[in-house]
C-alpha atoms as a PDB file:
ATOM      1  CA  MET A   1     175.712 225.074  59.083  1.00  0.00           C
ATOM      2  CA  ARG A   2     176.609 226.237  62.372  1.00  0.00           C
ATOM      3  CA  LEU A   3     179.704 227.702  61.209  1.00  0.00           C
ATOM      4  CA  LEU A   4     178.005 230.286  59.443  1.00  0.00           C
ATOM      5  CA  ARG A   5     176.394 231.288  62.427  1.00  0.00           C
ATOM      6  CA  PHE A   6     179.466 232.208  63.720  1.00  0.00           C
ATOM      7  CA  LEU A   7     181.181 233.916  61.040  1.00  0.00           C
ATOM      8  CA  PRO A   8     181.001 237.761  60.909  1.00  0.00           C
ATOM      9  CA  LEU A   9     179.223 238.974  57.580  1.00  0.00           C
ATOM     10  CA  SER A  10     182.225 240.607  56.191  1.00  0.00           C
ATOM     11  CA  ALA A  11     184.309 237.316  56.779  1.00  0.00           C
ATOM     12  CA  LEU A  12     181.564 235.683  54.702  1.00  0.00           C
ATOM     13  CA  ILE A  13     181.795 238.044  52.390  1.00  0.00           C
ATOM     14  CA  ALA A  14     185.632 237.789  51.362  1.00  0.00           C
ATOM     15  CA  ILE A  15     185.031 233.679  51.377  1.00  0.00           C
ATOM     16  CA  VAL A  16     182.282 233.836  48.893  1.00  0.00           C
ATOM     17  CA  LEU A  17     184.614 236.750  47.096  1.00  0.00           C
ATOM     18  CA  VAL A  18     187.454 234.505  46.956  1.00  0.00           C
ATOM     19  CA  ALA A  19     185.344 230.981  46.008  1.00  0.00           C
ATOM     20  CA  ALA A  20     183.926 232.834  42.890  1.00  0.00           C
ATOM     21  CA  GLY A  21     187.372 234.216  42.391  1.00  0.00           C
ATOM     22  CA  CYS A  22     188.123 230.777  41.255  1.00  0.00           C
ATOM     23  CA  GLY A  23     186.338 230.784  38.554  1.00  0.00           C
ATOM     24  CA  GLY A  24     184.448 227.146  39.387  1.00  0.00           C
ATOM     25  CA  GLY A  25     187.318 225.642  37.022  1.00  0.00           C
ATOM     26  CA  GLY A  26     188.738 223.460  39.451  1.00  0.00           C
ATOM     27  CA  ALA A  27     190.379 224.499  42.900  1.00  0.00           C
ATOM     28  CA  ARG A  28     193.226 226.871  42.337  1.00  0.00           C
ATOM     29  CA  SER A  29     195.425 228.067  45.570  1.00  0.00           C
ATOM     30  CA  VAL A  30     195.839 231.726  45.630  1.00  0.00           C
ATOM     31  CA  PRO A  31     199.433 232.444  44.763  1.00  0.00           C
ATOM     32  CA  SER A  32     201.456 234.002  47.646  1.00  0.00           C
ATOM     33  CA  ASP A  33     201.841 237.436  46.305  1.00  0.00           C
ATOM     34  CA  ALA A  34     198.206 237.659  45.971  1.00  0.00           C
ATOM     35  CA  VAL A  35     194.838 238.073  47.343  1.00  0.00           C
ATOM     36  CA  ALA A  36     192.322 236.474  45.031  1.00  0.00           C
ATOM     37  CA  VAL A  37     192.228 234.633  41.537  1.00  0.00           C
ATOM     38  CA  VAL A  38     189.521 235.788  39.088  1.00  0.00           C
ATOM     39  CA  GLY A  39     189.505 233.540  36.432  1.00  0.00           C
ATOM     40  CA  SER A  40     193.119 232.934  35.114  1.00  0.00           C
ATOM     41  CA  ASP A  41     193.923 236.284  36.595  1.00  0.00           C
ATOM     42  CA  THR A  42     195.354 236.753  40.000  1.00  0.00           C
ATOM     43  CA  ILE A  43     194.707 239.793  42.276  1.00  0.00           C
ATOM     44  CA  THR A  44     197.815 241.424  43.885  1.00  0.00           C
ATOM     45  CA  LYS A  45     198.490 241.758  47.028  1.00  0.00           C
ATOM     46  CA  VAL A  46     200.731 244.949  45.709  1.00  0.00           C
ATOM     47  CA  LEU A  47     197.398 246.401  43.767  1.00  0.00           C
ATOM     48  CA  PHE A  48     194.956 245.213  47.243  1.00  0.00           C
ATOM     49  CA  ASN A  49     197.470 247.259  49.380  1.00  0.00           C
ATOM     50  CA  THR A  50     197.813 250.517  46.704  1.00  0.00           C
ATOM     51  CA  LEU A  51     194.289 250.926  46.763  1.00  0.00           C
ATOM     52  CA  MET A  52     194.194 250.323  51.025  1.00  0.00           C
ATOM     53  CA  ASP A  53     196.807 253.331  50.877  1.00  0.00           C
ATOM     54  CA  GLY A  54     194.633 255.376  48.080  1.00  0.00           C
ATOM     55  CA  THR A  55     191.386 255.040  50.986  1.00  0.00           C
ATOM     56  CA  LYS A  56     193.614 255.915  53.895  1.00  0.00           C
ATOM     57  CA  SER A  57     194.889 258.729  51.773  1.00  0.00           C
ATOM     58  CA  ALA A  58     191.274 260.707  51.034  1.00  0.00           C
ATOM     59  CA  TYR A  59     190.712 259.714  54.447  1.00  0.00           C
ATOM     60  CA  ALA A  60     192.964 261.771  55.200  1.00  0.00           C
ATOM     61  CA  ALA A  61     192.495 264.682  52.683  1.00  0.00           C
ATOM     62  CA  ARG A  62     188.574 264.741  54.496  1.00  0.00           C
ATOM     63  CA  LYS A  63     190.436 265.124  58.012  1.00  0.00           C
ATOM     64  CA  THR A  64     188.584 262.027  58.466  1.00  0.00           C
ATOM     65  CA  ALA A  65     190.526 259.093  61.124  1.00  0.00           C
ATOM     66  CA  PHE A  66     190.904 256.373  59.312  1.00  0.00           C
ATOM     67  CA  PRO A  67     190.293 252.784  60.465  1.00  0.00           C
ATOM     68  CA  LYS A  68     192.369 251.366  62.740  1.00  0.00           C
ATOM     69  CA  PRO A  69     193.376 247.509  61.764  1.00  0.00           C
ATOM     70  CA  GLY A  70     191.657 244.699  63.563  1.00  0.00           C
ATOM     71  CA  THR A  71     188.380 247.005  63.414  1.00  0.00           C
ATOM     72  CA  THR A  72     185.271 246.489  62.006  1.00  0.00           C
ATOM     73  CA  GLN A  73     185.149 249.300  59.718  1.00  0.00           C
ATOM     74  CA  TYR A  74     188.710 248.308  58.857  1.00  0.00           C
ATOM     75  CA  LYS A  75     187.547 244.552  57.840  1.00  0.00           C
ATOM     76  CA  ALA A  76     184.354 246.713  55.996  1.00  0.00           C
ATOM     77  CA  LEU A  77     186.824 248.682  54.391  1.00  0.00           C
ATOM     78  CA  GLN A  78     189.282 245.572  53.024  1.00  0.00           C
ATOM     79  CA  ASP A  79     186.229 243.990  52.357  1.00  0.00           C
ATOM     80  CA  GLN A  80     184.940 246.784  50.073  1.00  0.00           C
ATOM     81  CA  THR A  81     188.595 246.837  48.239  1.00  0.00           C
ATOM     82  CA  MET A  82     188.617 243.172  47.691  1.00  0.00           C
ATOM     83  CA  LYS A  83     185.002 243.662  45.883  1.00  0.00           C
ATOM     84  CA  TYR A  84     185.828 246.155  43.847  1.00  0.00           C
ATOM     85  CA  LEU A  85     188.999 244.958  42.545  1.00  0.00           C
ATOM     86  CA  VAL A  86     187.454 241.497  41.340  1.00  0.00           C
ATOM     87  CA  GLN A  87     184.392 243.003  39.768  1.00  0.00           C
ATOM     88  CA  GLN A  88     187.063 245.480  37.851  1.00  0.00           C
ATOM     89  CA  ASP A  89     188.532 241.876  36.949  1.00  0.00           C
ATOM     90  CA  GLU A  90     185.351 240.280  36.217  1.00  0.00           C
ATOM     91  CA  LEU A  91     184.519 243.089  33.736  1.00  0.00           C
ATOM     92  CA  GLU A  92     187.601 243.486  32.428  1.00  0.00           C
ATOM     93  CA  GLN A  93     187.327 239.624  31.452  1.00  0.00           C
ATOM     94  CA  ARG A  94     184.053 240.568  29.931  1.00  0.00           C
ATOM     95  CA  ALA A  95     184.782 243.128  27.784  1.00  0.00           C
ATOM     96  CA  LYS A  96     187.575 240.974  26.428  1.00  0.00           C
ATOM     97  CA  SER A  97     185.215 238.245  25.687  1.00  0.00           C
ATOM     98  CA  LEU A  98     182.987 240.422  23.795  1.00  0.00           C
ATOM     99  CA  GLY A  99     186.202 242.191  21.624  1.00  0.00           C
ATOM    100  CA  ILE A 100     185.778 245.822  23.282  1.00  0.00           C
ATOM    101  CA  VAL A 101     189.328 247.098  23.995  1.00  0.00           C
ATOM    102  CA  VAL A 102     189.756 250.811  25.611  1.00  0.00           C
ATOM    103  CA  SER A 103     193.627 251.929  24.655  1.00  0.00           C
ATOM    104  CA  ASP A 104     195.668 254.462  27.161  1.00  0.00           C
ATOM    105  CA  LYS A 105     195.219 256.693  23.729  1.00  0.00           C
ATOM    106  CA  ASP A 106     190.756 256.277  24.165  1.00  0.00           C
ATOM    107  CA  VAL A 107     191.318 257.388  27.563  1.00  0.00           C
ATOM    108  CA  ASP A 108     193.544 260.418  27.103  1.00  0.00           C
ATOM    109  CA  ALA A 109     191.496 261.941  24.144  1.00  0.00           C
ATOM    110  CA  ARG A 110     188.071 261.015  26.738  1.00  0.00           C
ATOM    111  CA  ILE A 111     189.735 263.180  29.503  1.00  0.00           C
ATOM    112  CA  LYS A 112     190.898 265.948  27.053  1.00  0.00           C
END
């Protein structure tokens, strides 16, 4: 229990998200090319880095300094990105289990 007092909140959140992503169906290791496992899906490092790059571009567009790696602010962005990816995957899995399917055609029609 002492260890929990020394872990920053962001690290604790990341640990919880990764543990939750394992789905409780037995211990599953995260593949080397992934950042998390959510049920039977993996969230790849490529997808994670793409979102982080998009966040960096959004900061640049707003002419706001992007946090430097290793800072608390940078870690918070990483944690938010991880949380978003895990939640999106969980939602997609739940929608699939409910028979909800949205095709690219549906999305294009909605955009028009």
